[in-house]
Structures are given as C-alpha cells and as structure tokens.
PDB file of N, CA and C in Angstrom:
ATOM      1  N   UNK A   1      74.042 127.914 210.809  1.00  0.00           N
ATOM      2  CA  UNK A   1      73.102 127.487 211.817  1.00  0.00           C
ATOM      3  C   UNK A   1      72.775 128.686 212.715  1.00  0.00           C
ATOM      4  N   UNK A   2      71.532 128.839 213.057  1.00  0.00           N
ATOM      5  CA  UNK A   2      71.084 129.966 213.870  1.00  0.00           C
ATOM      6  C   UNK A   2      71.543 129.801 215.329  1.00  0.00           C
ATOM      7  N   UNK A   3      71.687 130.919 216.000  1.00  0.00           N
ATOM      8  CA  UNK A   3      72.115 130.922 217.399  1.00  0.00           C
ATOM      9  C   UNK A   3      71.141 130.111 218.251  1.00  0.00           C
ATOM     10  N   UNK A   4      69.851 130.298 218.012  1.00  0.00           N
ATOM     11  CA  UNK A   4      68.838 129.606 218.802  1.00  0.00           C
ATOM     12  C   UNK A   4      68.990 128.089 218.675  1.00  0.00           C
ATOM     13  N   UNK A   5      69.267 127.604 217.482  1.00  0.00           N
ATOM     14  CA  UNK A   5      69.447 126.169 217.260  1.00  0.00           C
ATOM     15  C   UNK A   5      70.715 125.662 217.943  1.00  0.00           C
ATOM     16  N   UNK A   6      71.797 126.419 217.858  1.00  0.00           N
ATOM     17  CA  UNK A   6      73.049 126.007 218.495  1.00  0.00           C
ATOM     18  C   UNK A   6      72.903 125.963 220.008  1.00  0.00           C
ATOM     19  N   UNK A   7      72.209 126.938 220.570  1.00  0.00           N
ATOM     20  CA  UNK A   7      71.996 126.948 222.017  1.00  0.00           C
ATOM     21  C   UNK A   7      71.179 125.734 222.440  1.00  0.00           C
ATOM     22  N   UNK A   8      70.137 125.425 221.697  1.00  0.00           N
ATOM     23  CA  UNK A   8      69.299 124.267 222.016  1.00  0.00           C
ATOM     24  C   UNK A   8      70.112 122.981 221.916  1.00  0.00           C
ATOM     25  N   UNK A   9      70.974 122.897 220.916  1.00  0.00           N
ATOM     26  CA  UNK A   9      71.816 121.712 220.720  1.00  0.00           C
ATOM     27  C   UNK A   9      72.768 121.504 221.897  1.00  0.00           C
ATOM     28  N   UNK A  10      73.264 122.593 222.476  1.00  0.00           N
ATOM     29  CA  UNK A  10      74.224 122.497 223.582  1.00  0.00           C
ATOM     30  C   UNK A  10      73.563 122.557 224.957  1.00  0.00           C
ATOM     31  N   UNK A  11      72.252 122.707 224.985  1.00  0.00           N
ATOM     32  CA  UNK A  11      71.512 122.568 226.229  1.00  0.00           C
ATOM     33  C   UNK A  11      71.363 123.809 227.082  1.00  0.00           C
ATOM     34  N   UNK A  12      71.360 124.996 226.500  1.00  0.00           N
ATOM     35  CA  UNK A  12      71.070 126.205 227.251  1.00  0.00           C
ATOM     36  C   UNK A  12      70.230 127.136 226.392  1.00  0.00           C
ATOM     37  N   UNK A  13      69.614 128.117 227.047  1.00  0.00           N
ATOM     38  CA  UNK A  13      68.689 128.992 226.331  1.00  0.00           C
ATOM     39  C   UNK A  13      69.445 130.064 225.554  1.00  0.00           C
ATOM     40  N   UNK A  14      68.777 130.595 224.542  1.00  0.00           N
ATOM     41  CA  UNK A  14      69.399 131.664 223.774  1.00  0.00           C
ATOM     42  C   UNK A  14      69.500 132.939 224.607  1.00  0.00           C
ATOM     43  N   UNK A  15      68.604 133.116 225.597  1.00  0.00           N
ATOM     44  CA  UNK A  15      68.704 134.275 226.498  1.00  0.00           C
ATOM     45  C   UNK A  15      69.999 134.204 227.299  1.00  0.00           C
ATOM     46  N   UNK A  16      70.380 133.008 227.740  1.00  0.00           N
ATOM     47  CA  UNK A  16      71.641 132.834 228.465  1.00  0.00           C
ATOM     48  C   UNK A  16      72.817 133.207 227.581  1.00  0.00           C
ATOM     49  N   UNK A  17      72.747 132.812 226.319  1.00  0.00           N
ATOM     50  CA  UNK A  17      73.812 133.159 225.378  1.00  0.00           C
ATOM     51  C   UNK A  17      73.947 134.661 225.235  1.00  0.00           C
ATOM     52  N   UNK A  18      72.823 135.364 225.072  1.00  0.00           N
ATOM     53  CA  UNK A  18      72.886 136.810 224.883  1.00  0.00           C
ATOM     54  C   UNK A  18      73.342 137.523 226.156  1.00  0.00           C
ATOM     55  N   UNK A  19      72.958 137.018 227.322  1.00  0.00           N
ATOM     56  CA  UNK A  19      73.468 137.584 228.578  1.00  0.00           C
ATOM     57  C   UNK A  19      74.973 137.388 228.686  1.00  0.00           C
ATOM     58  N   UNK A  20      75.443 136.203 228.336  1.00  0.00           N
ATOM     59  CA  UNK A  20      76.874 135.912 228.369  1.00  0.00           C
ATOM     60  C   UNK A  20      77.617 136.824 227.404  1.00  0.00           C
ATOM     61  N   UNK A  21      77.067 136.976 226.200  1.00  0.00           N
ATOM     62  CA  UNK A  21      77.721 137.804 225.187  1.00  0.00           C
ATOM     63  C   UNK A  21      77.773 139.266 225.617  1.00  0.00           C
ATOM     64  N   UNK A  22      76.719 139.746 226.284  1.00  0.00           N
ATOM     65  CA  UNK A  22      76.718 141.126 226.761  1.00  0.00           C
ATOM     66  C   UNK A  22      77.776 141.331 227.842  1.00  0.00           C
ATOM     67  N   UNK A  23      77.988 140.310 228.664  1.00  0.00           N
ATOM     68  CA  UNK A  23      78.945 140.432 229.765  1.00  0.00           C
ATOM     69  C   UNK A  23      80.387 140.219 229.299  1.00  0.00           C
ATOM     70  N   UNK A  24      80.632 139.207 228.481  1.00  0.00           N
ATOM     71  CA  UNK A  24      81.990 138.813 228.115  1.00  0.00           C
ATOM     72  C   UNK A  24      82.338 139.050 226.643  1.00  0.00           C
ATOM     73  N   UNK A  25      81.421 139.539 225.856  1.00  0.00           N
ATOM     74  CA  UNK A  25      81.597 139.625 224.407  1.00  0.00           C
ATOM     75  C   UNK A  25      82.853 140.339 223.941  1.00  0.00           C
ATOM     76  N   UNK A  26      83.164 141.484 224.519  1.00  0.00           N
ATOM     77  CA  UNK A  26      84.306 142.256 224.056  1.00  0.00           C
ATOM     78  C   UNK A  26      85.590 142.000 224.812  1.00  0.00           C
ATOM     79  N   UNK A  27      85.577 141.016 225.702  1.00  0.00           N
ATOM     80  CA  UNK A  27      86.746 140.773 226.544  1.00  0.00           C
ATOM     81  C   UNK A  27      87.682 139.744 225.933  1.00  0.00           C
ATOM     82  N   UNK A  28      88.948 139.903 226.271  1.00  0.00           N
ATOM     83  CA  UNK A  28      89.908 138.867 225.935  1.00  0.00           C
ATOM     84  C   UNK A  28      89.885 137.831 227.054  1.00  0.00           C
ATOM     85  N   UNK A  29      90.537 136.717 226.846  1.00  0.00           N
ATOM     86  CA  UNK A  29      90.552 135.640 227.844  1.00  0.00           C
ATOM     87  C   UNK A  29      91.148 136.112 229.172  1.00  0.00           C
ATOM     88  N   UNK A  30      92.284 136.824 229.172  1.00  0.00           N
ATOM     89  CA  UNK A  30      92.828 137.291 230.467  1.00  0.00           C
ATOM     90  C   UNK A  30      91.876 138.251 231.189  1.00  0.00           C
ATOM     91  N   UNK A  31      91.165 139.092 230.426  1.00  0.00           N
ATOM     92  CA  UNK A  31      90.208 140.005 231.052  1.00  0.00           C
ATOM     93  C   UNK A  31      89.070 139.234 231.715  1.00  0.00           C
ATOM     94  N   UNK A  32      88.573 138.206 231.047  1.00  0.00           N
ATOM     95  CA  UNK A  32      87.483 137.404 231.605  1.00  0.00           C
ATOM     96  C   UNK A  32      87.946 136.658 232.855  1.00  0.00           C
ATOM     97  N   UNK A  33      89.172 136.135 232.828  1.00  0.00           N
ATOM     98  CA  UNK A  33      89.713 135.450 234.004  1.00  0.00           C
ATOM     99  C   UNK A  33      89.852 136.423 235.168  1.00  0.00           C
ATOM    100  N   UNK A  34      90.328 137.617 234.901  1.00  0.00           N
ATOM    101  CA  UNK A  34      90.494 138.627 235.951  1.00  0.00           C
ATOM    102  C   UNK A  34      89.141 139.017 236.532  1.00  0.00           C
ATOM    103  N   UNK A  35      88.125 139.144 235.676  1.00  0.00           N
ATOM    104  CA  UNK A  35      86.792 139.460 236.155  1.00  0.00           C
ATOM    105  C   UNK A  35      86.276 138.370 237.085  1.00  0.00           C
ATOM    106  N   UNK A  36      86.471 137.122 236.722  1.00  0.00           N
ATOM    107  CA  UNK A  36      86.044 136.011 237.575  1.00  0.00           C
ATOM    108  C   UNK A  36      86.778 136.037 238.912  1.00  0.00           C
ATOM    109  N   UNK A  37      88.081 136.332 238.887  1.00  0.00           N
ATOM    110  CA  UNK A  37      88.858 136.417 240.126  1.00  0.00           C
ATOM    111  C   UNK A  37      88.342 137.545 241.014  1.00  0.00           C
ATOM    112  N   UNK A  38      88.041 138.689 240.423  1.00  0.00           N
ATOM    113  CA  UNK A  38      87.540 139.818 241.193  1.00  0.00           C
ATOM    114  C   UNK A  38      86.164 139.519 241.784  1.00  0.00           C
ATOM    115  N   UNK A  39      85.317 138.836 241.017  1.00  0.00           N
ATOM    116  CA  UNK A  39      83.999 138.468 241.537  1.00  0.00           C
ATOM    117  C   UNK A  39      84.132 137.499 242.707  1.00  0.00           C
ATOM    118  N   UNK A  40      85.052 136.557 242.618  1.00  0.00           N
ATOM    119  CA  UNK A  40      85.269 135.603 243.710  1.00  0.00           C
ATOM    120  C   UNK A  40      85.810 136.321 244.948  1.00  0.00           C
ATOM    121  N   UNK A  41      86.741 137.236 244.740  1.00  0.00           N
ATOM    122  CA  UNK A  41      87.292 137.994 245.867  1.00  0.00           C
ATOM    123  C   UNK A  41      86.219 138.863 246.515  1.00  0.00           C
ATOM    124  N   UNK A  42      85.383 139.474 245.707  1.00  0.00           N
ATOM    125  CA  UNK A  42      84.298 140.301 246.220  1.00  0.00           C
ATOM    126  C   UNK A  42      83.324 139.473 247.049  1.00  0.00           C
ATOM    127  N   UNK A  43      82.991 138.287 246.589  1.00  0.00           N
ATOM    128  CA  UNK A  43      82.087 137.403 247.335  1.00  0.00           C
ATOM    129  C   UNK A  43      82.705 137.020 248.679  1.00  0.00           C
ATOM    130  N   UNK A  44      84.003 136.745 248.674  1.00  0.00           N
ATOM    131  CA  UNK A  44      84.697 136.384 249.916  1.00  0.00           C
ATOM    132  C   UNK A  44      84.680 137.554 250.900  1.00  0.00           C
ATOM    133  N   UNK A  45      84.941 138.760 250.409  1.00  0.00           N
ATOM    134  CA  UNK A  45      84.940 139.936 251.268  1.00  0.00           C
ATOM    135  C   UNK A  45      83.550 140.226 251.830  1.00  0.00           C
ATOM    136  N   UNK A  46      82.521 140.034 251.015  1.00  0.00           N
ATOM    137  CA  UNK A  46      81.151 140.219 251.497  1.00  0.00           C
ATOM    138  C   UNK A  46      80.837 139.223 252.607  1.00  0.00           C
ATOM    139  N   UNK A  47      81.291 137.998 252.442  1.00  0.00           N
ATOM    140  CA  UNK A  47      81.067 136.975 253.467  1.00  0.00           C
ATOM    141  C   UNK A  47      81.787 137.341 254.765  1.00  0.00           C
ATOM    142  N   UNK A  48      83.028 137.804 254.657  1.00  0.00           N
ATOM    143  CA  UNK A  48      83.780 138.215 255.842  1.00  0.00           C
ATOM    144  C   UNK A  48      83.108 139.394 256.546  1.00  0.00           C
ATOM    145  N   UNK A  49      82.596 140.337 255.793  1.00  0.00           N
ATOM    146  CA  UNK A  49      81.902 141.478 256.374  1.00  0.00           C
ATOM    147  C   UNK A  49      80.637 141.038 257.094  1.00  0.00           C
ATOM    148  N   UNK A  50      79.880 140.150 256.485  1.00  0.00           N
ATOM    149  CA  UNK A  50      78.655 139.651 257.117  1.00  0.00           C
ATOM    150  C   UNK A  50      78.984 138.927 258.421  1.00  0.00           C
ATOM    151  N   UNK A  51      80.031 138.121 258.415  1.00  0.00           N
ATOM    152  CA  UNK A  51      80.450 137.430 259.637  1.00  0.00           C
ATOM    153  C   UNK A  51      80.855 138.422 260.719  1.00  0.00           C
ATOM    154  N   UNK A  52      81.571 139.457 260.340  1.00  0.00           N
ATOM    155  CA  UNK A  52      82.016 140.467 261.290  1.00  0.00           C
ATOM    156  C   UNK A  52      80.829 141.203 261.911  1.00  0.00           C
ATOM    157  N   UNK A  53      79.855 141.558 261.098  1.00  0.00           N
ATOM    158  CA  UNK A  53      78.668 142.248 261.596  1.00  0.00           C
ATOM    159  C   UNK A  53      77.887 141.334 262.537  1.00  0.00           C
ATOM    160  N   UNK A  54      77.779 140.055 262.159  1.00  0.00           N
ATOM    161  CA  UNK A  54      77.075 139.095 262.997  1.00  0.00           C
ATOM    162  C   UNK A  54      77.776 138.926 264.347  1.00  0.00           C
ATOM    163  N   UNK A  55      79.096 138.843 264.331  1.00  0.00           N
ATOM    164  CA  UNK A  55      79.857 138.739 265.575  1.00  0.00           C
ATOM    165  C   UNK A  55      79.651 139.969 266.465  1.00  0.00           C
ATOM    166  N   UNK A  56      79.649 141.153 265.868  1.00  0.00           N
ATOM    167  CA  UNK A  56      79.460 142.381 266.635  1.00  0.00           C
ATOM    168  C   UNK A  56      78.072 142.418 267.259  1.00  0.00           C
ATOM    169  N   UNK A  57      77.069 141.989 266.505  1.00  0.00           N
ATOM    170  CA  UNK A  57      75.706 141.960 267.047  1.00  0.00           C
ATOM    171  C   UNK A  57      75.586 140.941 268.179  1.00  0.00           C
ATOM    172  N   UNK A  58      76.235 139.799 268.043  1.00  0.00           N
ATOM    173  CA  UNK A  58      76.201 138.783 269.092  1.00  0.00           C
ATOM    174  C   UNK A  58      76.885 139.297 270.354  1.00  0.00           C
ATOM    175  N   UNK A  59      77.979 140.020 270.191  1.00  0.00           N
ATOM    176  CA  UNK A  59      78.682 140.591 271.333  1.00  0.00           C
ATOM    177  C   UNK A  59      77.826 141.633 272.042  1.00  0.00           C
ATOM    178  N   UNK A  60      77.144 142.469 271.267  1.00  0.00           N
ATOM    179  CA  UNK A  60      76.253 143.467 271.862  1.00  0.00           C
ATOM    180  C   UNK A  60      75.129 142.778 272.628  1.00  0.00           C
ATOM    181  N   UNK A  61      74.590 141.723 272.062  1.00  0.00           N
ATOM    182  CA  UNK A  61      73.505 140.997 272.727  1.00  0.00           C
ATOM    183  C   UNK A  61      74.008 140.333 274.008  1.00  0.00           C
ATOM    184  N   UNK A  62      75.210 139.807 273.978  1.00  0.00           N
ATOM    185  CA  UNK A  62      75.775 139.146 275.149  1.00  0.00           C
ATOM    186  C   UNK A  62      76.061 140.143 276.272  1.00  0.00           C
ATOM    187  N   UNK A  63      76.428 141.347 275.920  1.00  0.00           N
ATOM    188  CA  UNK A  63      76.715 142.369 276.917  1.00  0.00           C
ATOM    189  C   UNK A  63      75.460 143.092 277.377  1.00  0.00           C
ATOM    190  N   UNK A  64      74.340 142.822 276.706  1.00  0.00           N
ATOM    191  CA  UNK A  64      73.072 143.416 277.099  1.00  0.00           C
ATOM    192  C   UNK A  64      72.880 144.843 276.653  1.00  0.00           C
ATOM    193  N   UNK A  65      73.658 145.274 275.694  1.00  0.00           N
ATOM    194  CA  UNK A  65      73.523 146.637 275.191  1.00  0.00           C
ATOM    195  C   UNK A  65      72.524 146.690 274.057  1.00  0.00           C
ATOM    196  N   UNK A  66      71.851 147.815 273.998  1.00  0.00           N
ATOM    197  CA  UNK A  66      70.986 148.071 272.862  1.00  0.00           C
ATOM    198  C   UNK A  66      71.747 149.009 271.924  1.00  0.00           C
ATOM    199  N   UNK A  67      71.795 148.689 270.739  1.00  0.00           N
ATOM    200  CA  UNK A  67      72.468 149.450 269.680  1.00  0.00           C
ATOM    201  C   UNK A  67      73.285 150.517 270.266  1.00  0.00           C
TER     202      UNK A  67
END
C-alpha cells in the first residue's frame, strides 16, 4: 500500500508524514522522548523569560523611567 493511501486512511496528510519522518526518522525511541522533553523545557524557559521581561517593563513604567 502506498504511503499516500495509508496516510489518508489514518486521517493525516502525506506531507505531515514526510515532515515527521524527516524529524524523527533516524531516531530511536529514547532519543525521540528526550527531544520532546527538551522541547517542552525550552518552551517553559521561553515563557519564564517573557514573564521576566514583562515584569521588568512594568516596573520601569511604574517608576516612570524611560528605558
């Protein structure tokens, strides 16, 4: 059965399959799990940084300072 047919049968596009294969194709299961953990940690750190920058800007505004 062709890849395109299998993707259609399971409800996603063949482009999604090829993107997934390019990202995870050569990885073992532990490597893929570690990548997901690192991506989640990175997202959390980005959120914390954005919050910190927002807090600093609010403090500057409250004190009436310009940059």
